[in-house]
Amino acid sequence: MTTRAATTSRLLEALGDPRAFIVALSLCAALISAWVPPFQSPDEFHHVVRAAALSNGTIGIETPSGQRSGARVDSGVAEYIALYVSSDGSPRNNVTPEETAAASAITWNGTTVFEEAPGTGYYFPLIYAPQAAALFIGRNTGLSVDMSYRLARGSVLISATLLMLLAVHLSRPPVLVLTLLVMPMMLFQFGSATIDAVSTALAMALLAGFVRLMREADAARGGEVLAMTLGVFVLASCRLHCAAFVLLLFALSLNTRSRIWLICGMATTAALLSWYALAATDVSDLRGTADPSSLEIVAYYAQRPISLVQVILETVSNIDTVKFYTAQFVGLLGWRNPWFVSLVYNGFVIVLGLALILSIAETDAAKRPLASAALLATSICAGILVFFALLIAWTPHPATTVTGIQGRYFMIPALALGYALSASEQRQRLARWSPWMNGFLWSILLVSTILSVDILAARHHGGGVIGVMATSGAT
C-alpha cells in the first residue's frame, strides 16, 4: 500500500506540473490535426504561400498590375493548393481517395508561379520561420509537397510547444490562461500551418517573461532585454492589435527605473510604425480597388476619433455579432464550419467564467499593482486594436460596422487578461488550489479533444460518435 500510495502521489504531482499539461495539450493538438484535411484553417493556403516564398529566399511580397498582393512559389505548391481549394476560394471539405493519392504524388517542380496571398502582406516574415524551414527541408530532401506541408504543420506545433514550455518555466501560468489554450479553436489552430499557434505561444512567453521581470524588479540582463524587445516586435508586426504589448516595455522601465527599457520601448514603437507604413503602401489588400488606402483610412479616423468609437460601439451592440465572435472564440473548426451544437458553446462559456473566478481567487493582484495594471491595459488596448486593425485593412470605407473580425483574434487579449489577474503569483494560494485546478484543467482538455475529434470526424470522415455537430450554422 505504501508503494502504491507513493506511486499515486508522484503521478498526481506530475499531473500538477504545467509542463506536463503543455506537452499533453500539444499531443492532443497533433491528434486533432491528423483528422483535418489540408488548408481547413482560415486562410491557411495564403500562409503556406508566404512561407513557401520565404523558403525560396523571397522576403517581401509583390503586387502585379490588376492583381492582389502575393508571391511566387514553386508550381508544385500551387498545384497542391489548387487540388484542395474550391473555385470560390474556400477549402474542400471532402476529397476522394483518388484525389488524395494524386495530391500525395505532387512533387517540387523547380519552376515558380504567382499566387495571391493578400492577407499575409502585413505580417513581418520572421513569423513564418518554422513553416519556411520545414518547406525548405522538404524541398531539398526529396519529400513530396504533401509531406513537406505536413512537416510544416509539425514544425509550427513544435515551435509553439517550445515557446509555451518557456512561458511556464518563466512564470507558472494562471488557470484562465491554460483554459484558454485548450479551447477547441486553439487546439485546432495549433495543428495548422498558419501563424496562430506561434503568435499565441509567443504572446504567452512574453506575458510570462514580463511577470517574472516585474517580480524580480532588478536590472535585466542584456539577453533578457533583447529577447523581450525582439519578441514584442515580431508579435506586433504580425498581429497589429498586439502593438499594445509595447506598453509592457514601458512598464518595465517604470518599474526598474532603467533607461534601457525606455529606449527599447521607443525603438520598438518606431520600428513598428515604420513596418506598418511600409506594409500599408506595398499591399493590395482584400477591399475593393475604389476604397482609399489603409494609411488614408488611418488619417481619416485620426481626425474623427468620435466616428471610430461609434463604429466600434455599433459593431459590438449587435447581439448576433457577439454570439458569432463567441462561437469563433470557442471553436468553429474550419472556414465558418462546422458548428458545434449550442450546448457546447454555452458549456465552454461557463467553463471560461469558472476559470476566471479561479484565477481571481488564486492570487492577490493588488500586491503588484503596476504589473496588474500594465497587463490589464495591454489586454484592453489589444482588444480595441482588433477592431481598428480590421477597420483599416478589411472593412470597406466609410464604415458603419467593422467586418472581417474573427473571434479567435481576441485570444491574445484574453491571455493578457489572465496574466493580469494573476500577476503576483502567490505560490501559497497556488498550492492550496492546485488539486482543484489540476482536475479542472485536465478534464477540460479531455472534453475539448473528444468534442473536436468527433465533430471533425463527422465533417470530414463520414460520421462522429457523439453527434456534436449542429445541423445548421447557428448557435
Protein backbone atom coordinates (compact mmCIF):
# COMPACT_ATOMS: atom_id res chain seq x y z
CA MET A 1 0.00 0.00 0.00
CA THR A 2 2.85 2.33 0.78
CA THR A 3 4.42 1.79 -2.64
CA ARG A 4 1.07 2.23 -4.38
CA ALA A 5 0.36 5.39 -2.42
CA ALA A 6 3.79 6.77 -3.29
CA THR A 7 3.26 6.00 -6.97
CA THR A 8 -0.12 7.71 -6.90
CA SER A 9 1.40 10.71 -5.16
CA ARG A 10 4.14 11.00 -7.80
CA LEU A 11 1.57 10.71 -10.59
CA LEU A 12 -0.59 13.45 -9.11
CA GLU A 13 2.50 15.61 -8.66
CA ALA A 14 3.46 15.06 -12.29
CA LEU A 15 -0.04 15.94 -13.44
CA GLY A 16 0.21 19.15 -11.46
CA ASP A 17 3.27 20.24 -13.42
CA PRO A 18 2.25 22.81 -16.07
CA ARG A 19 4.95 21.41 -18.37
CA ALA A 20 3.18 18.06 -18.45
CA PHE A 21 -0.06 19.83 -19.27
CA ILE A 22 1.54 21.74 -22.16
CA VAL A 23 3.01 18.54 -23.60
CA ALA A 24 -0.37 16.79 -23.32
CA LEU A 25 -2.05 19.78 -24.95
CA SER A 26 0.36 19.55 -27.87
CA LEU A 27 -0.20 15.81 -28.27
CA CYS A 28 -3.96 16.41 -28.36
CA ALA A 29 -3.46 19.12 -30.98
CA ALA A 30 -1.41 16.67 -33.05
CA LEU A 31 -4.21 14.09 -32.78
CA ILE A 32 -6.78 16.64 -33.91
CA SER A 33 -4.53 17.74 -36.77
CA ALA A 34 -4.40 14.16 -38.03
CA TRP A 35 -8.17 14.33 -38.64
CA VAL A 36 -8.02 17.61 -40.56
CA PRO A 37 -7.51 17.71 -44.36
CA PRO A 38 -5.11 20.35 -45.74
CA PHE A 39 -5.97 24.07 -45.64
CA GLN A 40 -9.06 23.85 -43.43
CA SER A 41 -7.85 26.63 -41.13
CA PRO A 42 -8.95 30.13 -42.22
CA ASP A 43 -6.64 31.50 -44.95
CA GLU A 44 -4.18 28.65 -44.37
CA PHE A 45 -3.21 28.35 -48.03
CA HIS A 46 -2.30 32.04 -48.10
CA HIS A 47 0.02 31.47 -45.15
CA VAL A 48 1.58 28.48 -46.91
CA VAL A 49 2.18 30.64 -49.99
CA ARG A 50 4.00 33.21 -47.88
CA ALA A 51 6.05 30.53 -46.09
CA ALA A 52 6.90 28.78 -49.37
CA ALA A 53 8.12 32.07 -50.83
CA LEU A 54 10.26 32.68 -47.74
CA SER A 55 11.74 29.19 -48.06
CA ASN A 56 12.95 30.28 -51.52
CA GLY A 57 14.58 33.38 -50.06
CA THR A 58 11.76 35.78 -51.00
CA ILE A 59 11.24 38.08 -48.03
CA GLY A 60 8.72 40.56 -49.35
CA ILE A 61 5.60 40.33 -51.45
CA GLU A 62 4.71 41.67 -54.89
CA THR A 63 1.61 43.12 -56.48
CA PRO A 64 1.30 42.53 -60.23
CA SER A 65 -0.81 45.01 -62.13
CA GLY A 66 -4.50 44.29 -61.66
CA GLN A 67 -3.96 41.61 -59.01
CA ARG A 68 -3.89 41.41 -55.27
CA SER A 69 -0.61 41.02 -53.43
CA GLY A 70 1.11 37.65 -53.27
CA ALA A 71 4.35 35.85 -54.03
CA ARG A 72 5.95 33.47 -56.47
CA VAL A 73 6.07 29.87 -55.29
CA ASP A 74 7.02 26.51 -56.74
CA SER A 75 4.42 25.37 -59.23
CA GLY A 76 4.10 22.12 -57.28
CA VAL A 77 2.84 24.09 -54.28
CA ALA A 78 0.35 25.93 -56.49
CA GLU A 79 -0.86 22.62 -57.95
CA TYR A 80 -1.24 21.16 -54.44
CA ILE A 81 -3.24 24.15 -53.24
CA ALA A 82 -5.48 24.08 -56.31
CA LEU A 83 -6.43 20.47 -55.62
CA TYR A 84 -7.67 21.23 -52.11
CA VAL A 85 -9.24 24.67 -52.67
CA SER A 86 -12.56 25.23 -54.43
CA SER A 87 -13.13 27.80 -57.15
CA ASP A 88 -14.79 30.15 -54.64
CA GLY A 89 -11.59 30.29 -52.59
CA SER A 90 -12.74 28.06 -49.72
CA PRO A 91 -11.15 24.70 -48.85
CA ARG A 92 -12.83 21.50 -49.93
CA ASN A 93 -14.25 19.56 -47.01
CA ASN A 94 -14.24 16.18 -48.68
CA VAL A 95 -11.63 14.82 -51.06
CA THR A 96 -11.86 11.43 -52.75
CA PRO A 97 -9.19 8.76 -52.11
CA GLU A 98 -8.10 9.15 -55.72
CA GLU A 99 -7.60 12.89 -55.27
CA THR A 100 -5.71 12.31 -52.03
CA ALA A 101 -3.41 9.88 -53.81
CA ALA A 102 -2.88 12.41 -56.60
CA ALA A 103 -2.06 15.13 -54.07
CA SER A 104 0.44 12.86 -52.33
CA ALA A 105 2.26 12.37 -55.63
CA ILE A 106 2.78 16.08 -56.36
CA THR A 107 6.47 16.99 -56.31
CA TRP A 108 8.52 20.16 -56.26
CA ASN A 109 8.98 21.25 -59.87
CA GLY A 110 11.65 23.93 -59.64
CA THR A 111 9.58 26.45 -61.60
CA THR A 112 7.65 29.29 -59.99
CA VAL A 113 4.22 30.80 -60.50
CA PHE A 114 2.49 33.74 -58.86
CA GLU A 115 -0.06 33.02 -56.12
CA GLU A 116 -2.16 35.63 -54.34
CA ALA A 117 -1.83 35.96 -50.56
CA PRO A 118 -3.05 39.49 -49.79
CA GLY A 119 -3.96 38.97 -46.16
CA THR A 120 -0.40 37.96 -45.24
CA GLY A 121 1.34 41.01 -46.70
CA TYR A 122 1.03 42.89 -43.42
CA TYR A 123 2.96 40.23 -41.49
CA PHE A 124 6.68 40.55 -40.82
CA PRO A 125 8.17 37.43 -42.48
CA LEU A 126 10.07 36.15 -39.42
CA ILE A 127 6.85 34.72 -38.01
CA TYR A 128 6.89 32.21 -40.90
CA ALA A 129 10.32 30.81 -39.99
CA PRO A 130 9.00 27.40 -38.72
CA GLN A 131 6.92 26.74 -41.85
CA ALA A 132 9.61 28.06 -44.19
CA ALA A 133 12.29 25.89 -42.59
CA ALA A 134 10.10 22.79 -42.93
CA LEU A 135 9.28 23.53 -46.58
CA PHE A 136 12.96 24.20 -47.31
CA ILE A 137 13.92 20.84 -45.78
CA GLY A 138 11.14 19.06 -47.65
CA ARG A 139 12.13 20.54 -50.98
CA ASN A 140 15.81 19.77 -50.56
CA THR A 141 15.45 16.24 -49.21
CA GLY A 142 13.14 14.95 -51.93
CA LEU A 143 9.91 14.95 -49.93
CA SER A 144 6.66 15.43 -51.79
CA VAL A 145 4.80 18.71 -51.45
CA ASP A 146 2.21 16.93 -49.31
CA MET A 147 4.82 15.59 -46.88
CA SER A 148 6.53 18.98 -46.82
CA TYR A 149 3.21 20.63 -45.94
CA ARG A 150 2.62 18.18 -43.12
CA LEU A 151 6.16 18.74 -41.92
CA ALA A 152 5.34 22.46 -41.82
CA ARG A 153 2.31 21.71 -39.64
CA GLY A 154 4.52 19.72 -37.28
CA SER A 155 7.18 22.41 -37.23
CA VAL A 156 4.62 25.02 -36.19
CA LEU A 157 3.31 22.81 -33.39
CA ILE A 158 6.80 22.03 -32.08
CA SER A 159 7.79 25.72 -32.16
CA ALA A 160 4.63 26.72 -30.31
CA THR A 161 5.15 23.97 -27.75
CA LEU A 162 8.71 25.12 -27.02
CA LEU A 163 7.53 28.70 -26.56
CA MET A 164 4.76 27.61 -24.19
CA LEU A 165 7.23 25.49 -22.21
CA LEU A 166 9.45 28.56 -21.95
CA ALA A 167 6.44 30.52 -20.68
CA VAL A 168 5.66 28.05 -17.89
CA HIS A 169 9.36 27.98 -16.96
CA LEU A 170 9.38 31.76 -16.57
CA SER A 171 6.16 32.01 -14.57
CA ARG A 172 3.53 29.50 -13.53
CA PRO A 173 0.52 30.24 -15.78
CA PRO A 174 -2.87 31.18 -14.32
CA VAL A 175 -5.67 28.66 -14.67
CA LEU A 176 -7.51 31.00 -17.06
CA VAL A 177 -4.54 31.02 -19.43
CA LEU A 178 -4.34 27.23 -19.58
CA THR A 179 -8.12 27.00 -20.03
CA LEU A 180 -7.97 29.39 -22.96
CA LEU A 181 -5.27 27.29 -24.60
CA VAL A 182 -7.44 24.17 -24.63
CA MET A 183 -10.48 25.72 -26.27
CA PRO A 184 -11.35 23.63 -29.37
CA MET A 185 -10.45 26.60 -31.58
CA MET A 186 -6.92 26.77 -30.20
CA LEU A 187 -6.34 23.02 -30.32
CA PHE A 188 -7.45 23.16 -33.95
CA GLN A 189 -5.18 26.11 -34.79
CA PHE A 190 -2.16 24.58 -33.07
CA GLY A 191 -2.25 21.85 -35.70
CA SER A 192 -2.44 24.15 -38.73
CA ALA A 193 0.24 25.80 -40.84
CA THR A 194 -0.98 29.34 -40.08
CA ILE A 195 0.69 31.82 -37.72
CA ASP A 196 -1.89 31.48 -34.93
CA ALA A 197 -0.04 28.82 -32.92
CA VAL A 198 3.34 30.56 -32.89
CA SER A 199 1.94 34.05 -32.34
CA THR A 200 -0.25 32.86 -29.45
CA ALA A 201 2.61 30.94 -27.83
CA LEU A 202 4.97 33.88 -28.33
CA ALA A 203 2.45 36.17 -26.64
CA MET A 204 2.25 33.75 -23.73
CA ALA A 205 6.06 33.69 -23.40
CA LEU A 206 6.23 37.50 -23.46
CA LEU A 207 3.50 37.82 -20.83
CA ALA A 208 5.18 35.27 -18.57
CA GLY A 209 8.55 36.94 -19.06
CA PHE A 210 7.04 40.29 -18.16
CA VAL A 211 5.53 38.89 -14.94
CA ARG A 212 8.88 37.43 -13.94
CA LEU A 213 10.85 40.59 -14.73
CA MET A 214 8.37 42.73 -12.82
CA ARG A 215 8.55 40.40 -9.84
CA GLU A 216 12.34 40.49 -9.72
CA ALA A 217 12.40 44.29 -10.12
CA ASP A 218 16.13 44.22 -10.90
CA ALA A 219 18.03 45.45 -13.91
CA ALA A 220 17.55 42.83 -16.60
CA ARG A 221 20.45 41.16 -18.34
CA GLY A 222 21.19 42.09 -21.94
CA GLY A 223 19.82 38.82 -23.29
CA GLU A 224 16.51 39.29 -21.50
CA VAL A 225 16.15 42.84 -22.79
CA LEU A 226 16.91 41.75 -26.34
CA ALA A 227 14.54 38.77 -26.16
CA MET A 228 11.63 40.84 -24.83
CA THR A 229 12.19 43.65 -27.33
CA LEU A 230 12.58 41.40 -30.35
CA GLY A 231 9.64 39.27 -29.22
CA VAL A 232 7.34 42.26 -28.92
CA PHE A 233 8.36 43.48 -32.38
CA VAL A 234 7.85 40.08 -34.05
CA LEU A 235 4.48 39.59 -32.37
CA ALA A 236 3.15 43.09 -33.04
CA SER A 237 4.45 43.13 -36.61
CA CYS A 238 2.31 40.10 -37.47
CA ARG A 239 -0.67 40.93 -35.25
CA LEU A 240 -1.38 44.67 -35.35
CA HIS A 241 -3.56 44.54 -32.25
CA CYS A 242 -0.53 43.25 -30.31
CA ALA A 243 1.12 46.64 -30.73
CA ALA A 244 -0.34 47.10 -27.24
CA PHE A 245 2.47 44.85 -25.96
CA VAL A 246 4.80 47.84 -26.27
CA LEU A 247 3.16 49.01 -23.04
CA LEU A 248 4.94 46.16 -21.26
CA LEU A 249 8.35 47.58 -22.18
CA PHE A 250 7.41 50.98 -20.81
CA ALA A 251 6.04 49.38 -17.63
CA LEU A 252 9.37 47.60 -17.13
CA SER A 253 11.12 50.93 -17.50
CA LEU A 254 8.88 52.46 -14.86
CA ASN A 255 9.32 49.51 -12.51
CA THR A 256 13.12 49.28 -12.74
CA ARG A 257 13.87 52.98 -13.34
CA SER A 258 16.09 51.73 -16.15
CA ARG A 259 16.59 53.78 -19.30
CA ILE A 260 17.32 50.70 -21.37
CA TRP A 261 13.67 49.59 -21.24
CA LEU A 262 12.51 53.09 -22.13
CA ILE A 263 14.86 53.17 -25.12
CA CYS A 264 13.70 49.71 -26.21
CA GLY A 265 10.06 50.76 -25.91
CA MET A 266 10.59 53.86 -28.02
CA ALA A 267 12.71 52.00 -30.58
CA THR A 268 10.14 49.22 -30.89
CA THR A 269 7.33 51.73 -31.34
CA ALA A 270 9.27 53.50 -34.10
CA ALA A 271 10.14 50.20 -35.81
CA LEU A 272 6.52 49.04 -35.72
CA LEU A 273 5.18 52.29 -37.12
CA SER A 274 7.73 52.08 -39.93
CA TRP A 275 6.76 48.50 -40.70
CA TYR A 276 3.03 49.28 -40.67
CA ALA A 277 3.57 52.22 -43.03
CA LEU A 278 5.69 50.13 -45.38
CA ALA A 279 3.21 47.25 -45.43
CA ALA A 280 0.26 49.59 -45.96
CA THR A 281 1.86 51.11 -49.05
CA ASP A 282 3.05 47.79 -50.51
CA VAL A 283 0.00 45.58 -50.02
CA SER A 284 -3.03 45.48 -52.28
CA ASP A 285 -5.46 44.09 -49.73
CA LEU A 286 -8.85 42.43 -49.81
CA ARG A 287 -11.04 45.50 -50.12
CA GLY A 288 -12.32 46.97 -53.35
CA THR A 289 -9.95 48.99 -55.51
CA ALA A 290 -12.19 52.05 -55.14
CA ASP A 291 -11.50 52.21 -51.41
CA PRO A 292 -8.87 54.56 -50.01
CA SER A 293 -5.59 53.09 -48.80
CA SER A 294 -5.06 51.90 -45.23
CA LEU A 295 -2.96 54.98 -44.49
CA GLU A 296 -5.74 57.24 -45.74
CA ILE A 297 -8.24 55.45 -43.51
CA VAL A 298 -5.92 55.86 -40.51
CA ALA A 299 -5.70 59.59 -41.25
CA TYR A 300 -9.48 59.77 -41.60
CA TYR A 301 -10.15 58.31 -38.15
CA ALA A 302 -7.26 60.21 -36.57
CA GLN A 303 -9.18 63.36 -37.47
CA ARG A 304 -12.53 61.86 -36.40
CA PRO A 305 -11.98 59.81 -33.23
CA ILE A 306 -15.67 60.04 -32.33
CA SER A 307 -16.54 58.27 -35.58
CA LEU A 308 -14.11 55.49 -34.68
CA VAL A 309 -15.80 54.98 -31.31
CA GLN A 310 -19.23 54.99 -32.95
CA VAL A 311 -18.23 52.32 -35.47
CA ILE A 312 -16.85 50.05 -32.74
CA LEU A 313 -19.88 50.53 -30.49
CA GLU A 314 -22.23 49.85 -33.40
CA THR A 315 -20.34 46.62 -34.09
CA VAL A 316 -20.41 45.22 -30.55
CA SER A 317 -24.00 46.30 -29.89
CA ASN A 318 -25.26 43.68 -32.36
CA ILE A 319 -26.08 40.60 -30.29
CA ASP A 320 -25.79 38.25 -33.28
CA THR A 321 -22.30 39.56 -33.98
CA VAL A 322 -21.25 38.99 -30.36
CA LYS A 323 -22.63 35.45 -30.49
CA PHE A 324 -20.67 34.81 -33.67
CA TYR A 325 -17.47 36.11 -32.07
CA THR A 326 -18.11 33.83 -29.10
CA ALA A 327 -18.63 30.80 -31.32
CA GLN A 328 -15.42 31.54 -33.23
CA PHE A 329 -13.53 32.08 -29.98
CA VAL A 330 -14.63 28.73 -28.56
CA GLY A 331 -14.44 26.85 -31.82
CA LEU A 332 -15.54 26.97 -35.43
CA LEU A 333 -13.19 24.33 -36.72
CA GLY A 334 -12.90 25.44 -40.31
CA TRP A 335 -13.98 28.25 -42.61
CA ARG A 336 -17.14 29.16 -40.66
CA ASN A 337 -17.97 25.49 -40.22
CA PRO A 338 -18.62 23.04 -38.73
CA TRP A 339 -20.65 24.40 -35.84
CA PHE A 340 -20.99 22.64 -32.52
CA VAL A 341 -24.48 22.33 -31.06
CA SER A 342 -25.36 25.31 -28.86
CA LEU A 343 -24.92 23.28 -25.65
CA VAL A 344 -21.19 23.02 -26.35
CA TYR A 345 -20.71 26.78 -26.73
CA ASN A 346 -22.79 27.52 -23.64
CA GLY A 347 -20.81 24.95 -21.68
CA PHE A 348 -17.45 26.41 -22.64
CA VAL A 349 -18.62 29.92 -21.78
CA ILE A 350 -19.46 28.63 -18.29
CA VAL A 351 -16.06 26.92 -18.10
CA LEU A 352 -14.28 30.16 -19.01
CA GLY A 353 -16.30 32.01 -16.38
CA LEU A 354 -15.28 29.44 -13.76
CA ALA A 355 -11.63 29.70 -14.84
CA LEU A 356 -11.89 33.47 -14.48
CA ILE A 357 -13.16 33.09 -10.92
CA LEU A 358 -10.40 30.61 -10.06
CA SER A 359 -7.75 32.95 -11.47
CA ILE A 360 -9.03 35.83 -9.37
CA ALA A 361 -9.19 33.64 -6.27
CA GLU A 362 -5.68 32.19 -6.61
CA THR A 363 -3.83 35.46 -6.16
CA ASP A 364 -3.87 38.94 -4.74
CA ALA A 365 -3.04 41.13 -7.73
CA ALA A 366 -3.17 44.22 -5.53
CA LYS A 367 0.26 43.26 -4.19
CA ARG A 368 1.71 44.07 -7.60
CA PRO A 369 -0.50 46.90 -8.85
CA LEU A 370 1.85 48.13 -11.59
CA ALA A 371 2.20 44.69 -13.18
CA SER A 372 -1.53 44.05 -13.00
CA ALA A 373 -2.38 47.50 -14.35
CA ALA A 374 0.08 47.18 -17.25
CA LEU A 375 -1.27 43.76 -18.22
CA LEU A 376 -4.88 44.91 -17.93
CA ALA A 377 -4.13 47.97 -20.07
CA THR A 378 -2.42 45.73 -22.63
CA SER A 379 -5.45 43.43 -22.72
CA ILE A 380 -7.94 46.28 -23.18
CA CYS A 381 -5.86 48.11 -25.79
CA ALA A 382 -5.22 44.91 -27.74
CA GLY A 383 -8.95 44.18 -27.77
CA ILE A 384 -9.75 47.65 -29.10
CA LEU A 385 -7.00 47.39 -31.71
CA VAL A 386 -8.61 44.22 -33.08
CA PHE A 387 -11.45 46.40 -34.33
CA PHE A 388 -9.13 49.13 -35.57
CA ALA A 389 -6.89 46.69 -37.46
CA LEU A 390 -9.81 45.16 -39.36
CA LEU A 391 -11.34 48.57 -39.92
CA ILE A 392 -8.31 49.82 -41.84
CA ALA A 393 -7.24 46.57 -43.53
CA TRP A 394 -10.51 44.85 -44.43
CA THR A 395 -13.66 46.92 -43.94
CA PRO A 396 -14.92 48.95 -46.95
CA HIS A 397 -14.75 52.67 -46.27
CA PRO A 398 -16.71 54.56 -44.98
CA ALA A 399 -17.92 52.01 -42.45
CA THR A 400 -20.85 51.75 -40.08
CA THR A 401 -19.60 48.49 -38.54
CA VAL A 402 -16.30 46.60 -38.62
CA THR A 403 -16.28 43.48 -40.80
CA GLY A 404 -13.87 40.59 -41.06
CA ILE A 405 -13.28 40.09 -37.32
CA GLN A 406 -12.92 36.50 -36.17
CA GLY A 407 -13.44 35.59 -32.54
CA ARG A 408 -10.03 33.92 -32.27
CA TYR A 409 -8.40 37.34 -32.69
CA PHE A 410 -9.37 38.04 -29.07
CA MET A 411 -7.36 35.08 -27.75
CA ILE A 412 -4.18 37.07 -27.08
CA PRO A 413 -6.04 39.93 -25.32
CA ALA A 414 -7.70 37.23 -23.20
CA LEU A 415 -4.31 35.72 -22.32
CA ALA A 416 -3.10 39.15 -21.19
CA LEU A 417 -6.20 39.42 -19.01
CA GLY A 418 -5.41 36.04 -17.47
CA TYR A 419 -1.92 37.14 -16.50
CA ALA A 420 -3.25 40.48 -15.23
CA LEU A 421 -5.46 38.63 -12.77
CA SER A 422 -2.56 36.54 -11.50
CA ALA A 423 0.40 38.85 -11.87
CA SER A 424 1.58 38.47 -8.28
CA GLU A 425 1.82 34.66 -8.45
CA GLN A 426 1.27 33.88 -4.78
CA ARG A 427 2.55 30.30 -4.56
CA GLN A 428 0.82 29.59 -1.24
CA ARG A 429 -2.56 30.09 -2.84
CA LEU A 430 -1.48 28.17 -5.93
CA ALA A 431 -0.63 25.21 -3.71
CA ARG A 432 -3.99 25.36 -1.97
CA TRP A 433 -5.93 25.46 -5.23
CA SER A 434 -3.77 23.09 -7.29
CA PRO A 435 -5.78 19.83 -6.73
CA TRP A 436 -8.96 21.53 -7.91
CA MET A 437 -7.18 23.27 -10.75
CA ASN A 438 -5.49 20.11 -11.98
CA GLY A 439 -8.71 18.15 -12.12
CA PHE A 440 -10.49 21.07 -13.77
CA LEU A 441 -7.82 21.65 -16.42
CA TRP A 442 -7.23 18.01 -17.36
CA SER A 443 -10.97 17.42 -17.61
CA ILE A 444 -11.41 20.38 -19.95
CA LEU A 445 -8.50 19.23 -22.12
CA LEU A 446 -10.02 15.75 -22.39
CA VAL A 447 -13.52 17.01 -23.17
CA SER A 448 -12.27 19.59 -25.68
CA THR A 449 -10.20 16.97 -27.52
CA ILE A 450 -13.03 14.43 -27.67
CA LEU A 451 -15.52 17.01 -28.94
CA SER A 452 -13.07 18.31 -31.55
CA VAL A 453 -12.21 14.87 -32.90
CA ASP A 454 -15.87 13.91 -33.04
CA ILE A 455 -17.02 16.97 -34.97
CA LEU A 456 -14.09 16.72 -37.38
CA ALA A 457 -14.80 13.03 -37.94
CA ALA A 458 -18.40 13.91 -38.73
CA ARG A 459 -17.39 16.71 -41.08
CA HIS A 460 -14.53 15.14 -42.97
CA HIS A 461 -14.75 11.38 -42.49
CA GLY A 462 -18.41 10.47 -42.69
CA GLY A 463 -19.63 10.42 -39.12
CA GLY A 464 -18.87 11.18 -35.49
CA VAL A 465 -19.89 9.16 -32.45
CA ILE A 466 -21.27 11.75 -30.02
CA GLY A 467 -23.09 13.90 -32.55
CA VAL A 468 -21.97 17.38 -31.53
CA MET A 469 -22.18 18.94 -34.99
CA ALA A 470 -25.14 21.27 -35.46
CA THR A 471 -27.40 20.65 -38.45
CA SER A 472 -27.33 24.36 -39.32
CA GLY A 473 -24.84 27.17 -38.94
CA ALA A 474 -26.38 28.79 -35.89
CA THR A 475 -25.87 28.64 -32.17
